[in-house]
Amino acid sequence: MLGDISSEGKTFVTLLGITAYQVGIAVWMKWKKWQRCEAVGKVVDIFLYPIKSCKAVQLKSARCTYQGLYFDNLYDRHWMITQANGDFLTQRQYPKMALITTTGQGDKLCLDAPGMDTLTLPNNPPVDPSKIRSCRIWSDQVKVLDCGDDAGAWVSQYLGNEGLRIVFYASYMPKRDITLKHKSWGNPGQPGDVAAFTDYCSFMFMTTASMDALNERLKEPVTVENFRPNLLIENSIPFDEDEWDEIQIGDKVVLRCLDPCTRCLLTTVNQRTGIKSPEEEPLATLKKFRQFSKYGTSPCFGVNATPDIEGDIRVGDTVYAIKRN
């Protein structure tokens, strides 16, 4: 009988009951929320970018993790090119970074570029305190592993600038807390949301209908590669993704949609030639119909997202969405 239990026992039973009630309410609310979900399309392309701002690896399947996409010992954007002082570099400064290709070969990562011999790096370098460096991604300072002088010489020769380095963000290193990133319109990230070398969060996706709507406005159509998404979702309603709150991919993976992806001059780089558009397209056209006061002068295209449930995805998976209230 409850009356025979000590005061400590009564407190424990009470707390247990409250916890069970709270868990039950949370599960019920989640269930009610997913009753609003609907099939919105399917995955048609998966892109993993081993080195930030370099060429994508196109996949048929991958694993969604809190750190980003993962496939065959490679994480998305866990390598990066920096200046000698550790400041990050992208196609904004060097458009021909788009032509650096990466290939996973067992425990190696092979880099190739026009006119260059193949550079081979370990895809999971051993811990070496002497190679730990500090580098900057926007306002974030992070600790990384330097990939060595040979790697630095290779990328310096290709990009024509001395002192450049290639660095690695080992999976065991603390990742960037995206909730600390300042955004003038607010930061929708939640505790536990992390990223490696991405500009913001660990995933970005786009839809085919929105790409079609953009290309209808362009004199020269562009490909999705200009926007460097992780996922391309085939659907039929342009910019329907603006209203998505969460998406489920296949039977398990859940991504929480954070905010629209604001766009910059990097989108004007032809990913197959490494040359910027002299007319600054498609960015100039996006500014005419995808610019919203909340996000300043940068147009929005695609959606930033972060995983709430990890798991495997593949091309052909159905995508379900819960729309915002």
C-alpha atoms as a PDB file:
ATOM      1  CA  MET A   1       0.000   0.000   0.000  1.00  0.00           C
ATOM      2  CA  LEU A   2       1.176   3.573  -0.748  1.00  0.00           C
ATOM      3  CA  GLY A   3       0.687   4.500   2.954  1.00  0.00           C
ATOM      4  CA  ASP A   4       3.393   1.970   3.932  1.00  0.00           C
ATOM      5  CA  ILE A   5       6.026   3.572   1.666  1.00  0.00           C
ATOM      6  CA  SER A   6       8.616   5.923   3.155  1.00  0.00           C
ATOM      7  CA  SER A   7       8.502   9.631   2.339  1.00  0.00           C
ATOM      8  CA  GLU A   8      11.479   9.134   0.009  1.00  0.00           C
ATOM      9  CA  GLY A   9       9.634   6.311  -1.722  1.00  0.00           C
ATOM     10  CA  LYS A  10       6.502   8.424  -2.106  1.00  0.00           C
ATOM     11  CA  THR A  11       8.561  11.200  -3.668  1.00  0.00           C
ATOM     12  CA  PHE A  12      10.149   8.735  -6.086  1.00  0.00           C
ATOM     13  CA  VAL A  13       6.761   7.281  -7.088  1.00  0.00           C
ATOM     14  CA  THR A  14       5.367  10.790  -7.592  1.00  0.00           C
ATOM     15  CA  LEU A  15       8.311  11.854  -9.750  1.00  0.00           C
ATOM     16  CA  LEU A  16       8.088   8.621 -11.722  1.00  0.00           C
ATOM     17  CA  GLY A  17       4.409   9.264 -12.379  1.00  0.00           C
ATOM     18  CA  ILE A  18       5.060  12.855 -13.480  1.00  0.00           C
ATOM     19  CA  THR A  19       7.867  11.725 -15.804  1.00  0.00           C
ATOM     20  CA  ALA A  20       5.699   9.010 -17.348  1.00  0.00           C
ATOM     21  CA  TYR A  21       2.917  11.539 -17.857  1.00  0.00           C
ATOM     22  CA  GLN A  22       5.274  14.031 -19.522  1.00  0.00           C
ATOM     23  CA  VAL A  23       6.745  11.364 -21.791  1.00  0.00           C
ATOM     24  CA  GLY A  24       3.250  10.203 -22.696  1.00  0.00           C
ATOM     25  CA  ILE A  25       2.180  13.741 -23.567  1.00  0.00           C
ATOM     26  CA  ALA A  26       5.318  14.266 -25.698  1.00  0.00           C
ATOM     27  CA  VAL A  27       4.741  11.006 -27.591  1.00  0.00           C
ATOM     28  CA  TRP A  28       1.063  11.847 -28.120  1.00  0.00           C
ATOM     29  CA  MET A  29       1.895  15.348 -29.396  1.00  0.00           C
ATOM     30  CA  LYS A  30       4.507  13.927 -31.777  1.00  0.00           C
ATOM     31  CA  TRP A  31       1.996  11.365 -33.033  1.00  0.00           C
ATOM     32  CA  LYS A  32      -0.632  14.068 -33.566  1.00  0.00           C
ATOM     33  CA  LYS A  33       1.883  16.192 -35.416  1.00  0.00           C
ATOM     34  CA  TRP A  34       2.818  13.401 -37.818  1.00  0.00           C
ATOM     35  CA  GLN A  35      -0.850  12.792 -38.559  1.00  0.00           C
ATOM     36  CA  ARG A  36      -0.535  15.994 -40.630  1.00  0.00           C
ATOM     37  CA  CYS A  37       2.269  14.603 -42.793  1.00  0.00           C
ATOM     38  CA  GLU A  38       1.854  13.990 -46.484  1.00  0.00           C
ATOM     39  CA  ALA A  39       3.969  12.500 -49.247  1.00  0.00           C
ATOM     40  CA  VAL A  40       5.583  15.383 -51.144  1.00  0.00           C
ATOM     41  CA  GLY A  41       8.039  13.652 -53.464  1.00  0.00           C
ATOM     42  CA  LYS A  42      11.023  11.342 -53.616  1.00  0.00           C
ATOM     43  CA  VAL A  43      14.799  11.558 -53.415  1.00  0.00           C
ATOM     44  CA  VAL A  44      16.341  11.726 -56.901  1.00  0.00           C
ATOM     45  CA  ASP A  45      19.917  12.781 -56.095  1.00  0.00           C
ATOM     46  CA  ILE A  46      22.281  12.559 -53.122  1.00  0.00           C
ATOM     47  CA  PHE A  47      25.446  14.682 -53.050  1.00  0.00           C
ATOM     48  CA  LEU A  48      28.356  14.433 -50.618  1.00  0.00           C
ATOM     49  CA  TYR A  49      31.136  17.057 -50.638  1.00  0.00           C
ATOM     50  CA  PRO A  50      34.222  15.646 -48.881  1.00  0.00           C
ATOM     51  CA  ILE A  51      36.125  18.952 -49.259  1.00  0.00           C
ATOM     52  CA  LYS A  52      34.270  22.191 -48.645  1.00  0.00           C
ATOM     53  CA  SER A  53      33.673  24.069 -51.928  1.00  0.00           C
ATOM     54  CA  CYS A  54      35.119  21.287 -54.096  1.00  0.00           C
ATOM     55  CA  LYS A  55      33.335  18.901 -56.450  1.00  0.00           C
ATOM     56  CA  ALA A  56      30.512  16.684 -55.210  1.00  0.00           C
ATOM     57  CA  VAL A  57      30.454  12.912 -55.061  1.00  0.00           C
ATOM     58  CA  GLN A  58      27.081  11.780 -56.426  1.00  0.00           C
ATOM     59  CA  LEU A  59      25.652   8.787 -54.560  1.00  0.00           C
ATOM     60  CA  LYS A  60      22.818   6.291 -54.741  1.00  0.00           C
ATOM     61  CA  SER A  61      22.686   5.881 -50.961  1.00  0.00           C
ATOM     62  CA  ALA A  62      24.258   7.350 -47.830  1.00  0.00           C
ATOM     63  CA  ARG A  63      23.801   7.638 -44.090  1.00  0.00           C
ATOM     64  CA  CYS A  64      22.327  10.744 -42.519  1.00  0.00           C
ATOM     65  CA  THR A  65      24.197  11.551 -39.308  1.00  0.00           C
ATOM     66  CA  TYR A  66      24.161  14.518 -36.948  1.00  0.00           C
ATOM     67  CA  GLN A  67      27.520  15.548 -38.455  1.00  0.00           C
ATOM     68  CA  GLY A  68      26.219  15.381 -42.034  1.00  0.00           C
ATOM     69  CA  LEU A  69      26.085  12.805 -44.804  1.00  0.00           C
ATOM     70  CA  TYR A  70      28.386   9.791 -44.483  1.00  0.00           C
ATOM     71  CA  PHE A  71      29.402   7.189 -47.058  1.00  0.00           C
ATOM     72  CA  ASP A  72      32.319   4.780 -47.374  1.00  0.00           C
ATOM     73  CA  ASN A  73      34.470   6.336 -44.614  1.00  0.00           C
ATOM     74  CA  LEU A  74      33.813   9.885 -45.856  1.00  0.00           C
ATOM     75  CA  TYR A  75      31.843  12.588 -44.060  1.00  0.00           C
ATOM     76  CA  ASP A  76      30.379  15.605 -45.829  1.00  0.00           C
ATOM     77  CA  ARG A  77      32.602  18.712 -45.685  1.00  0.00           C
ATOM     78  CA  HIS A  78      35.139  17.387 -43.168  1.00  0.00           C
ATOM     79  CA  TRP A  79      38.084  18.690 -45.244  1.00  0.00           C
ATOM     80  CA  MET A  80      38.724  22.336 -46.091  1.00  0.00           C
ATOM     81  CA  ILE A  81      41.242  24.576 -47.851  1.00  0.00           C
ATOM     82  CA  THR A  82      42.533  27.521 -45.836  1.00  0.00           C
ATOM     83  CA  GLN A  83      44.899  30.440 -46.112  1.00  0.00           C
ATOM     84  CA  ALA A  84      48.173  30.277 -44.190  1.00  0.00           C
ATOM     85  CA  ASN A  85      46.513  32.089 -41.258  1.00  0.00           C
ATOM     86  CA  GLY A  86      43.717  29.497 -41.074  1.00  0.00           C
ATOM     87  CA  ASP A  87      40.948  31.528 -42.720  1.00  0.00           C
ATOM     88  CA  PHE A  88      38.681  29.310 -44.811  1.00  0.00           C
ATOM     89  CA  LEU A  89      38.596  29.546 -48.621  1.00  0.00           C
ATOM     90  CA  THR A  90      35.771  28.767 -51.058  1.00  0.00           C
ATOM     91  CA  GLN A  91      34.828  29.247 -54.682  1.00  0.00           C
ATOM     92  CA  ARG A  92      33.995  32.845 -53.815  1.00  0.00           C
ATOM     93  CA  GLN A  93      37.758  33.511 -53.918  1.00  0.00           C
ATOM     94  CA  TYR A  94      38.849  30.634 -56.171  1.00  0.00           C
ATOM     95  CA  PRO A  95      36.106  29.494 -58.600  1.00  0.00           C
ATOM     96  CA  LYS A  96      38.267  26.704 -60.005  1.00  0.00           C
ATOM     97  CA  MET A  97      38.043  24.884 -56.677  1.00  0.00           C
ATOM     98  CA  ALA A  98      34.897  23.479 -58.342  1.00  0.00           C
ATOM     99  CA  LEU A  99      37.180  21.312 -60.506  1.00  0.00           C
ATOM    100  CA  ILE A 100      38.939  19.574 -57.601  1.00  0.00           C
ATOM    101  CA  THR A 101      37.492  16.068 -57.586  1.00  0.00           C
ATOM    102  CA  THR A 102      37.638  13.645 -54.679  1.00  0.00           C
ATOM    103  CA  THR A 103      37.521   9.864 -54.770  1.00  0.00           C
ATOM    104  CA  GLY A 104      37.387   7.507 -51.812  1.00  0.00           C
ATOM    105  CA  GLN A 105      39.630   4.449 -52.151  1.00  0.00           C
ATOM    106  CA  GLY A 106      39.485   2.299 -49.032  1.00  0.00           C
ATOM    107  CA  ASP A 107      41.255   4.234 -46.309  1.00  0.00           C
ATOM    108  CA  LYS A 108      42.455   6.935 -48.746  1.00  0.00           C
ATOM    109  CA  LEU A 109      41.019  10.125 -50.223  1.00  0.00           C
ATOM    110  CA  CYS A 110      42.365  10.946 -53.679  1.00  0.00           C
ATOM    111  CA  LEU A 111      42.311  14.511 -55.011  1.00  0.00           C
ATOM    112  CA  ASP A 112      42.593  15.358 -58.705  1.00  0.00           C
ATOM    113  CA  ALA A 113      42.507  18.660 -60.587  1.00  0.00           C
ATOM    114  CA  PRO A 114      43.329  19.787 -64.148  1.00  0.00           C
ATOM    115  CA  GLY A 115      47.090  19.735 -64.780  1.00  0.00           C
ATOM    116  CA  MET A 116      47.865  18.179 -61.384  1.00  0.00           C
ATOM    117  CA  ASP A 117      49.131  14.768 -60.290  1.00  0.00           C
ATOM    118  CA  THR A 118      46.853  12.866 -57.910  1.00  0.00           C
ATOM    119  CA  LEU A 119      47.188  13.801 -54.235  1.00  0.00           C
ATOM    120  CA  THR A 120      46.465  10.965 -51.802  1.00  0.00           C
ATOM    121  CA  LEU A 121      45.482  11.623 -48.180  1.00  0.00           C
ATOM    122  CA  PRO A 122      44.398   9.271 -45.381  1.00  0.00           C
ATOM    123  CA  ASN A 123      40.627   9.619 -44.994  1.00  0.00           C
ATOM    124  CA  ASN A 124      40.956   9.424 -41.213  1.00  0.00           C
ATOM    125  CA  PRO A 125      44.362  10.830 -40.248  1.00  0.00           C
ATOM    126  CA  PRO A 126      45.852   9.550 -36.976  1.00  0.00           C
ATOM    127  CA  VAL A 127      45.808  11.776 -33.915  1.00  0.00           C
ATOM    128  CA  ASP A 128      48.904  13.974 -33.914  1.00  0.00           C
ATOM    129  CA  PRO A 129      48.916  16.888 -31.427  1.00  0.00           C
ATOM    130  CA  SER A 130      51.708  18.581 -33.398  1.00  0.00           C
ATOM    131  CA  LYS A 131      49.360  18.956 -36.392  1.00  0.00           C
ATOM    132  CA  ILE A 132      46.427  20.514 -34.543  1.00  0.00           C
ATOM    133  CA  ARG A 133      45.730  24.013 -35.831  1.00  0.00           C
ATOM    134  CA  SER A 134      43.096  26.694 -35.350  1.00  0.00           C
ATOM    135  CA  CYS A 135      41.071  27.820 -38.349  1.00  0.00           C
ATOM    136  CA  ARG A 136      38.209  30.215 -38.974  1.00  0.00           C
ATOM    137  CA  ILE A 137      34.845  29.547 -40.635  1.00  0.00           C
ATOM    138  CA  TRP A 138      33.000  32.849 -40.706  1.00  0.00           C
ATOM    139  CA  SER A 139      32.981  33.904 -37.025  1.00  0.00           C
ATOM    140  CA  ASP A 140      33.746  30.412 -35.655  1.00  0.00           C
ATOM    141  CA  GLN A 141      37.214  29.382 -34.498  1.00  0.00           C
ATOM    142  CA  VAL A 142      37.697  25.596 -34.589  1.00  0.00           C
ATOM    143  CA  LYS A 143      40.498  23.140 -33.931  1.00  0.00           C
ATOM    144  CA  VAL A 144      41.502  20.980 -36.907  1.00  0.00           C
ATOM    145  CA  LEU A 145      44.233  18.630 -38.099  1.00  0.00           C
ATOM    146  CA  ASP A 146      46.632  20.000 -40.723  1.00  0.00           C
ATOM    147  CA  CYS A 147      47.078  17.520 -43.608  1.00  0.00           C
ATOM    148  CA  GLY A 148      50.765  18.288 -44.094  1.00  0.00           C
ATOM    149  CA  ASP A 149      53.179  20.149 -46.327  1.00  0.00           C
ATOM    150  CA  ASP A 150      52.668  17.966 -49.416  1.00  0.00           C
ATOM    151  CA  ALA A 151      48.928  18.661 -49.334  1.00  0.00           C
ATOM    152  CA  GLY A 152      49.601  22.365 -48.804  1.00  0.00           C
ATOM    153  CA  ALA A 153      52.039  22.502 -51.711  1.00  0.00           C
ATOM    154  CA  TRP A 154      49.580  20.676 -53.999  1.00  0.00           C
ATOM    155  CA  VAL A 155      46.666  23.052 -53.400  1.00  0.00           C
ATOM    156  CA  SER A 156      48.957  26.103 -53.441  1.00  0.00           C
ATOM    157  CA  GLN A 157      50.268  25.110 -56.866  1.00  0.00           C
ATOM    158  CA  TYR A 158      46.805  24.455 -58.276  1.00  0.00           C
ATOM    159  CA  LEU A 159      45.255  27.689 -56.997  1.00  0.00           C
ATOM    160  CA  GLY A 160      48.380  29.762 -57.655  1.00  0.00           C
ATOM    161  CA  ASN A 161      48.826  31.140 -54.159  1.00  0.00           C
ATOM    162  CA  GLU A 162      51.581  30.264 -51.701  1.00  0.00           C
ATOM    163  CA  GLY A 163      51.021  29.071 -48.163  1.00  0.00           C
ATOM    164  CA  LEU A 164      47.617  27.406 -48.582  1.00  0.00           C
ATOM    165  CA  ARG A 165      46.735  24.392 -46.421  1.00  0.00           C
ATOM    166  CA  ILE A 166      44.296  21.493 -46.400  1.00  0.00           C
ATOM    167  CA  VAL A 167      42.815  20.722 -42.985  1.00  0.00           C
ATOM    168  CA  PHE A 168      40.660  17.912 -41.614  1.00  0.00           C
ATOM    169  CA  TYR A 169      37.874  17.958 -39.029  1.00  0.00           C
ATOM    170  CA  ALA A 170      38.187  14.548 -37.374  1.00  0.00           C
ATOM    171  CA  SER A 171      34.860  13.000 -36.376  1.00  0.00           C
ATOM    172  CA  TYR A 172      35.983  12.795 -32.729  1.00  0.00           C
ATOM    173  CA  MET A 173      36.684  16.534 -32.552  1.00  0.00           C
ATOM    174  CA  PRO A 174      33.990  18.736 -30.978  1.00  0.00           C
ATOM    175  CA  LYS A 175      31.725  20.037 -33.710  1.00  0.00           C
ATOM    176  CA  ARG A 176      30.503  23.599 -34.120  1.00  0.00           C
ATOM    177  CA  ASP A 177      27.365  24.428 -32.146  1.00  0.00           C
ATOM    178  CA  ILE A 178      25.145  26.053 -34.764  1.00  0.00           C
ATOM    179  CA  THR A 179      22.954  27.674 -32.108  1.00  0.00           C
ATOM    180  CA  LEU A 180      25.832  30.078 -31.448  1.00  0.00           C
ATOM    181  CA  LYS A 181      25.830  31.390 -35.011  1.00  0.00           C
ATOM    182  CA  HIS A 182      24.474  34.943 -35.176  1.00  0.00           C
ATOM    183  CA  LYS A 183      21.688  35.604 -37.651  1.00  0.00           C
ATOM    184  CA  SER A 184      19.937  38.938 -37.899  1.00  0.00           C
ATOM    185  CA  TRP A 185      16.591  37.147 -38.331  1.00  0.00           C
ATOM    186  CA  GLY A 186      17.138  34.752 -35.436  1.00  0.00           C
ATOM    187  CA  ASN A 187      18.641  31.293 -35.166  1.00  0.00           C
ATOM    188  CA  PRO A 188      16.158  28.380 -35.227  1.00  0.00           C
ATOM    189  CA  GLY A 189      18.761  25.799 -34.187  1.00  0.00           C
ATOM    190  CA  GLN A 190      18.274  23.724 -31.050  1.00  0.00           C
ATOM    191  CA  PRO A 191      20.720  22.330 -28.464  1.00  0.00           C
ATOM    192  CA  GLY A 192      22.599  19.421 -30.023  1.00  0.00           C
ATOM    193  CA  ASP A 193      22.497  20.786 -33.582  1.00  0.00           C
ATOM    194  CA  VAL A 194      26.070  20.674 -34.896  1.00  0.00           C
ATOM    195  CA  ALA A 195      28.064  21.121 -38.090  1.00  0.00           C
ATOM    196  CA  ALA A 196      31.570  20.530 -39.413  1.00  0.00           C
ATOM    197  CA  PHE A 197      32.810  22.846 -42.218  1.00  0.00           C
ATOM    198  CA  THR A 198      29.419  23.783 -43.690  1.00  0.00           C
ATOM    199  CA  ASP A 199      28.506  27.475 -43.686  1.00  0.00           C
ATOM    200  CA  TYR A 200      25.644  26.814 -41.293  1.00  0.00           C
ATOM    201  CA  CYS A 201      24.064  23.441 -40.507  1.00  0.00           C
ATOM    202  CA  SER A 202      24.677  19.839 -41.547  1.00  0.00           C
ATOM    203  CA  PHE A 203      22.183  19.501 -44.442  1.00  0.00           C
ATOM    204  CA  MET A 204      20.657  21.509 -47.270  1.00  0.00           C
ATOM    205  CA  PHE A 205      18.056  20.216 -49.696  1.00  0.00           C
ATOM    206  CA  MET A 206      16.296  21.497 -52.810  1.00  0.00           C
ATOM    207  CA  THR A 207      13.394  20.449 -55.026  1.00  0.00           C
ATOM    208  CA  THR A 208      13.087  19.844 -58.762  1.00  0.00           C
ATOM    209  CA  ALA A 209       9.949  21.986 -59.092  1.00  0.00           C
ATOM    210  CA  SER A 210      11.744  25.008 -57.661  1.00  0.00           C
ATOM    211  CA  MET A 211      14.724  24.417 -59.965  1.00  0.00           C
ATOM    212  CA  ASP A 212      12.329  24.286 -62.929  1.00  0.00           C
ATOM    213  CA  ALA A 213      10.665  27.524 -61.796  1.00  0.00           C
ATOM    214  CA  LEU A 214      14.057  29.247 -61.706  1.00  0.00           C
ATOM    215  CA  ASN A 215      15.227  27.898 -65.056  1.00  0.00           C
ATOM    216  CA  GLU A 216      12.036  29.115 -66.729  1.00  0.00           C
ATOM    217  CA  ARG A 217      13.206  32.640 -65.867  1.00  0.00           C
ATOM    218  CA  LEU A 218      16.794  32.210 -67.093  1.00  0.00           C
ATOM    219  CA  LYS A 219      18.120  32.684 -70.614  1.00  0.00           C
ATOM    220  CA  GLU A 220      20.642  29.929 -69.937  1.00  0.00           C
ATOM    221  CA  PRO A 221      19.352  27.228 -67.542  1.00  0.00           C
ATOM    222  CA  VAL A 222      21.608  26.096 -64.706  1.00  0.00           C
ATOM    223  CA  THR A 223      21.871  22.772 -62.938  1.00  0.00           C
ATOM    224  CA  VAL A 224      21.287  21.972 -59.291  1.00  0.00           C
ATOM    225  CA  GLU A 225      25.066  21.696 -58.945  1.00  0.00           C
ATOM    226  CA  ASN A 226      25.284  25.512 -58.810  1.00  0.00           C
ATOM    227  CA  PHE A 227      23.546  25.367 -55.412  1.00  0.00           C
ATOM    228  CA  ARG A 228      25.447  22.437 -53.898  1.00  0.00           C
ATOM    229  CA  PRO A 229      22.617  20.665 -52.030  1.00  0.00           C
ATOM    230  CA  ASN A 230      22.956  17.361 -50.219  1.00  0.00           C
ATOM    231  CA  LEU A 231      19.557  16.171 -51.424  1.00  0.00           C
ATOM    232  CA  LEU A 232      17.455  16.863 -54.488  1.00  0.00           C
ATOM    233  CA  ILE A 233      13.799  15.989 -54.000  1.00  0.00           C
ATOM    234  CA  GLU A 234      11.537  15.462 -56.986  1.00  0.00           C
ATOM    235  CA  ASN A 235       8.176  17.169 -56.463  1.00  0.00           C
ATOM    236  CA  SER A 236       5.560  19.109 -58.404  1.00  0.00           C
ATOM    237  CA  ILE A 237       4.895  22.371 -56.517  1.00  0.00           C
ATOM    238  CA  PRO A 238       7.509  25.148 -56.835  1.00  0.00           C
ATOM    239  CA  PHE A 239       8.712  26.441 -53.454  1.00  0.00           C
ATOM    240  CA  ASP A 240       6.353  24.178 -51.523  1.00  0.00           C
ATOM    241  CA  GLU A 241       9.408  23.429 -49.368  1.00  0.00           C
ATOM    242  CA  ASP A 242       9.179  26.941 -47.911  1.00  0.00           C
ATOM    243  CA  GLU A 243       6.244  25.637 -45.845  1.00  0.00           C
ATOM    244  CA  TRP A 244       7.810  22.387 -44.643  1.00  0.00           C
ATOM    245  CA  ASP A 245       8.505  22.094 -40.912  1.00  0.00           C
ATOM    246  CA  GLU A 246       9.956  18.564 -40.872  1.00  0.00           C
ATOM    247  CA  ILE A 247      10.561  15.907 -43.490  1.00  0.00           C
ATOM    248  CA  GLN A 248      10.823  12.153 -43.164  1.00  0.00           C
ATOM    249  CA  ILE A 249      12.884  10.286 -45.733  1.00  0.00           C
ATOM    250  CA  GLY A 250      11.907   6.659 -46.190  1.00  0.00           C
ATOM    251  CA  ASP A 251      10.905   4.782 -43.053  1.00  0.00           C
ATOM    252  CA  LYS A 252      13.108   6.439 -40.452  1.00  0.00           C
ATOM    253  CA  VAL A 253      15.242   9.519 -41.148  1.00  0.00           C
ATOM    254  CA  VAL A 254      13.751  12.814 -39.930  1.00  0.00           C
ATOM    255  CA  LEU A 255      15.189  16.228 -40.813  1.00  0.00           C
ATOM    256  CA  ARG A 256      14.020  19.378 -39.062  1.00  0.00           C
ATOM    257  CA  CYS A 257      13.773  22.315 -41.469  1.00  0.00           C
ATOM    258  CA  LEU A 258      15.522  25.352 -40.000  1.00  0.00           C
ATOM    259  CA  ASP A 259      15.261  28.213 -42.458  1.00  0.00           C
ATOM    260  CA  PRO A 260      15.649  29.067 -46.160  1.00  0.00           C
ATOM    261  CA  CYS A 261      19.175  28.942 -47.533  1.00  0.00           C
ATOM    262  CA  THR A 262      20.355  32.478 -48.317  1.00  0.00           C
ATOM    263  CA  ARG A 263      22.403  32.685 -51.503  1.00  0.00           C
ATOM    264  CA  CYS A 264      25.638  34.410 -52.538  1.00  0.00           C
ATOM    265  CA  LEU A 265      28.016  34.771 -55.502  1.00  0.00           C
ATOM    266  CA  LEU A 266      29.137  31.152 -55.190  1.00  0.00           C
ATOM    267  CA  THR A 267      25.941  30.161 -57.048  1.00  0.00           C
ATOM    268  CA  THR A 268      27.261  32.001 -60.131  1.00  0.00           C
ATOM    269  CA  VAL A 269      30.164  29.546 -60.527  1.00  0.00           C
ATOM    270  CA  ASN A 270      29.627  26.960 -63.250  1.00  0.00           C
ATOM    271  CA  GLN A 271      30.498  23.759 -61.403  1.00  0.00           C
ATOM    272  CA  ARG A 272      31.615  22.047 -64.610  1.00  0.00           C
ATOM    273  CA  THR A 273      33.957  24.785 -65.852  1.00  0.00           C
ATOM    274  CA  GLY A 274      34.990  26.602 -62.669  1.00  0.00           C
ATOM    275  CA  ILE A 275      34.125  29.976 -64.227  1.00  0.00           C
ATOM    276  CA  LYS A 276      31.854  32.658 -62.752  1.00  0.00           C
ATOM    277  CA  SER A 277      28.926  33.969 -64.776  1.00  0.00           C
ATOM    278  CA  PRO A 278      29.772  37.512 -65.969  1.00  0.00           C
ATOM    279  CA  GLU A 279      26.059  38.367 -65.604  1.00  0.00           C
ATOM    280  CA  GLU A 280      26.058  36.955 -62.054  1.00  0.00           C
ATOM    281  CA  GLU A 281      23.383  34.443 -62.962  1.00  0.00           C
ATOM    282  CA  PRO A 282      21.393  32.758 -61.542  1.00  0.00           C
ATOM    283  CA  LEU A 283      21.853  35.023 -58.483  1.00  0.00           C
ATOM    284  CA  ALA A 284      20.692  38.155 -60.327  1.00  0.00           C
ATOM    285  CA  THR A 285      17.416  36.490 -61.333  1.00  0.00           C
ATOM    286  CA  LEU A 286      16.851  35.040 -57.860  1.00  0.00           C
ATOM    287  CA  LYS A 287      17.090  38.553 -56.440  1.00  0.00           C
ATOM    288  CA  LYS A 288      14.111  39.549 -58.581  1.00  0.00           C
ATOM    289  CA  PHE A 289      11.650  37.055 -57.100  1.00  0.00           C
ATOM    290  CA  ARG A 290      13.187  35.247 -54.101  1.00  0.00           C
ATOM    291  CA  GLN A 291      14.294  38.151 -51.926  1.00  0.00           C
ATOM    292  CA  PHE A 292      12.470  38.652 -48.615  1.00  0.00           C
ATOM    293  CA  SER A 293      12.919  41.550 -46.226  1.00  0.00           C
ATOM    294  CA  LYS A 294      13.469  39.235 -43.246  1.00  0.00           C
ATOM    295  CA  TYR A 295      16.630  37.840 -44.844  1.00  0.00           C
ATOM    296  CA  GLY A 296      18.146  41.098 -46.056  1.00  0.00           C
ATOM    297  CA  THR A 297      19.549  41.418 -49.577  1.00  0.00           C
ATOM    298  CA  SER A 298      20.356  37.729 -50.087  1.00  0.00           C
ATOM    299  CA  PRO A 299      17.752  35.743 -52.046  1.00  0.00           C
ATOM    300  CA  CYS A 300      16.542  32.406 -50.666  1.00  0.00           C
ATOM    301  CA  PHE A 301      16.700  29.097 -52.516  1.00  0.00           C
ATOM    302  CA  GLY A 302      16.680  25.664 -50.865  1.00  0.00           C
ATOM    303  CA  VAL A 303      16.220  24.756 -47.204  1.00  0.00           C
ATOM    304  CA  ASN A 304      18.732  24.315 -44.375  1.00  0.00           C
ATOM    305  CA  ALA A 305      17.981  21.280 -42.212  1.00  0.00           C
ATOM    306  CA  THR A 306      19.386  19.180 -39.381  1.00  0.00           C
ATOM    307  CA  PRO A 307      18.693  15.540 -38.425  1.00  0.00           C
ATOM    308  CA  ASP A 308      16.469  14.638 -35.502  1.00  0.00           C
ATOM    309  CA  ILE A 309      16.661  10.917 -36.358  1.00  0.00           C
ATOM    310  CA  GLU A 310      19.718   9.422 -38.090  1.00  0.00           C
ATOM    311  CA  GLY A 311      19.592   6.591 -40.594  1.00  0.00           C
ATOM    312  CA  ASP A 312      20.208   5.378 -44.127  1.00  0.00           C
ATOM    313  CA  ILE A 313      18.659   6.992 -47.198  1.00  0.00           C
ATOM    314  CA  ARG A 314      18.712   6.079 -50.872  1.00  0.00           C
ATOM    315  CA  VAL A 315      17.629   7.426 -54.224  1.00  0.00           C
ATOM    316  CA  GLY A 316      13.957   6.583 -54.716  1.00  0.00           C
ATOM    317  CA  ASP A 317      12.975   6.997 -51.061  1.00  0.00           C
ATOM    318  CA  THR A 318       9.622   8.664 -50.536  1.00  0.00           C
ATOM    319  CA  VAL A 319       9.769  12.022 -48.768  1.00  0.00           C
ATOM    320  CA  TYR A 320       7.006  13.007 -46.344  1.00  0.00           C
ATOM    321  CA  ALA A 321       6.536  16.512 -44.960  1.00  0.00           C
ATOM    322  CA  ILE A 322       4.764  18.197 -42.084  1.00  0.00           C
ATOM    323  CA  LYS A 323       3.865  21.716 -43.117  1.00  0.00           C
ATOM    324  CA  ARG A 324       4.077  24.701 -40.804  1.00  0.00           C
ATOM    325  CA  ASN A 325       0.871  25.753 -39.055  1.00  0.00           C
END
